[in-house]
C-alpha atoms as a PDB file:
ATOM      1  CA  UNK A   1    -125.944-156.824-114.618  1.00  0.00           C
ATOM      2  CA  UNK A   2    -128.180-154.197-113.051  1.00  0.00           C
ATOM      3  CA  UNK A   3    -126.253-154.442-109.783  1.00  0.00           C
ATOM      4  CA  UNK A   4    -122.943-153.924-111.583  1.00  0.00           C
ATOM      5  CA  UNK A   5    -124.312-150.866-113.393  1.00  0.00           C
ATOM      6  CA  UNK A   6    -125.640-149.437-110.128  1.00  0.00           C
ATOM      7  CA  UNK A   7    -122.247-149.915-108.478  1.00  0.00           C
ATOM      8  CA  UNK A   8    -120.547-148.286-111.464  1.00  0.00           C
ATOM      9  CA  UNK A   9    -122.899-145.317-111.225  1.00  0.00           C
ATOM     10  CA  UNK A  10    -122.170-144.905-107.503  1.00  0.00           C
ATOM     11  CA  UNK A  11    -118.425-145.125-108.097  1.00  0.00           C
ATOM     12  CA  UNK A  12    -118.718-142.581-110.883  1.00  0.00           C
ATOM     13  CA  UNK A  13    -120.585-140.197-108.587  1.00  0.00           C
ATOM     14  CA  UNK A  14    -117.794-140.592-106.015  1.00  0.00           C
ATOM     15  CA  UNK A  15    -115.169-139.880-108.685  1.00  0.00           C
ATOM     16  CA  UNK A  16    -116.989-136.752-109.852  1.00  0.00           C
ATOM     17  CA  UNK A  17    -116.881-135.404-106.300  1.00  0.00           C
ATOM     18  CA  UNK A  18    -113.145-136.101-106.142  1.00  0.00           C
ATOM     19  CA  UNK A  19    -112.142-134.558-109.447  1.00  0.00           C
ATOM     20  CA  UNK A  20    -114.110-133.819-112.635  1.00  0.00           C
ATOM     21  CA  UNK A  21    -111.116-134.873-114.729  1.00  0.00           C
ATOM     22  CA  UNK A  22    -111.386-138.402-113.317  1.00  0.00           C
ATOM     23  CA  UNK A  23    -114.935-138.631-114.699  1.00  0.00           C
ATOM     24  CA  UNK A  24    -113.687-137.704-118.165  1.00  0.00           C
ATOM     25  CA  UNK A  25    -110.987-140.377-117.990  1.00  0.00           C
ATOM     26  CA  UNK A  26    -113.513-142.916-116.688  1.00  0.00           C
ATOM     27  CA  UNK A  27    -115.832-142.095-119.588  1.00  0.00           C
ATOM     28  CA  UNK A  28    -113.019-142.641-122.087  1.00  0.00           C
ATOM     29  CA  UNK A  29    -112.109-145.958-120.460  1.00  0.00           C
ATOM     30  CA  UNK A  30    -115.763-147.038-120.499  1.00  0.00           C
ATOM     31  CA  UNK A  31    -115.950-146.260-124.237  1.00  0.00           C
ATOM     32  CA  UNK A  32    -112.816-148.341-124.860  1.00  0.00           C
ATOM     33  CA  UNK A  33    -114.288-151.217-122.844  1.00  0.00           C
ATOM     34  CA  UNK A  34    -117.525-151.106-124.843  1.00  0.00           C
ATOM     35  CA  UNK A  35    -115.544-151.097-128.090  1.00  0.00           C
ATOM     36  CA  UNK A  36    -113.506-154.101-126.939  1.00  0.00           C
ATOM     37  CA  UNK A  37    -116.679-155.964-125.941  1.00  0.00           C
ATOM     38  CA  UNK A  38    -117.802-155.767-129.568  1.00  0.00           C
ATOM     39  CA  UNK A  39    -114.748-157.787-130.613  1.00  0.00           C
ATOM     40  CA  UNK A  40    -114.770-161.569-130.074  1.00  0.00           C
ATOM     41  CA  UNK A  41    -112.107-162.517-127.594  1.00  0.00           C
ATOM     42  CA  UNK A  42    -111.222-165.587-125.519  1.00  0.00           C
ATOM     43  CA  UNK A  43    -112.297-165.544-121.875  1.00  0.00           C
ATOM     44  CA  UNK A  44    -109.697-164.446-119.308  1.00  0.00           C
ATOM     45  CA  UNK A  45    -107.657-167.145-117.590  1.00  0.00           C
ATOM     46  CA  UNK A  46    -109.722-167.017-114.411  1.00  0.00           C
ATOM     47  CA  UNK A  47    -112.983-167.540-116.332  1.00  0.00           C
ATOM     48  CA  UNK A  48    -111.894-170.653-118.223  1.00  0.00           C
ATOM     49  CA  UNK A  49    -113.513-173.826-116.932  1.00  0.00           C
ATOM     50  CA  UNK A  50    -111.134-175.809-114.788  1.00  0.00           C
ATOM     51  CA  UNK A  51    -111.075-179.618-115.027  1.00  0.00           C
ATOM     52  CA  UNK A  52    -112.866-181.404-112.180  1.00  0.00           C
ATOM     53  CA  UNK A  53    -110.503-182.579-109.514  1.00  0.00           C
END
């Protein structure tokens, strides 16, 4: 989890250099993601356990 957060921080720093508006949009998206994480939801298709073959 720490690695993911570090990568996110680096990407955010890159976005800020590109355009400050992108950082604002990224912040809004991050807030939406955190809100969605609070809701119980089924795992995405690619995370469901596949039957052994």
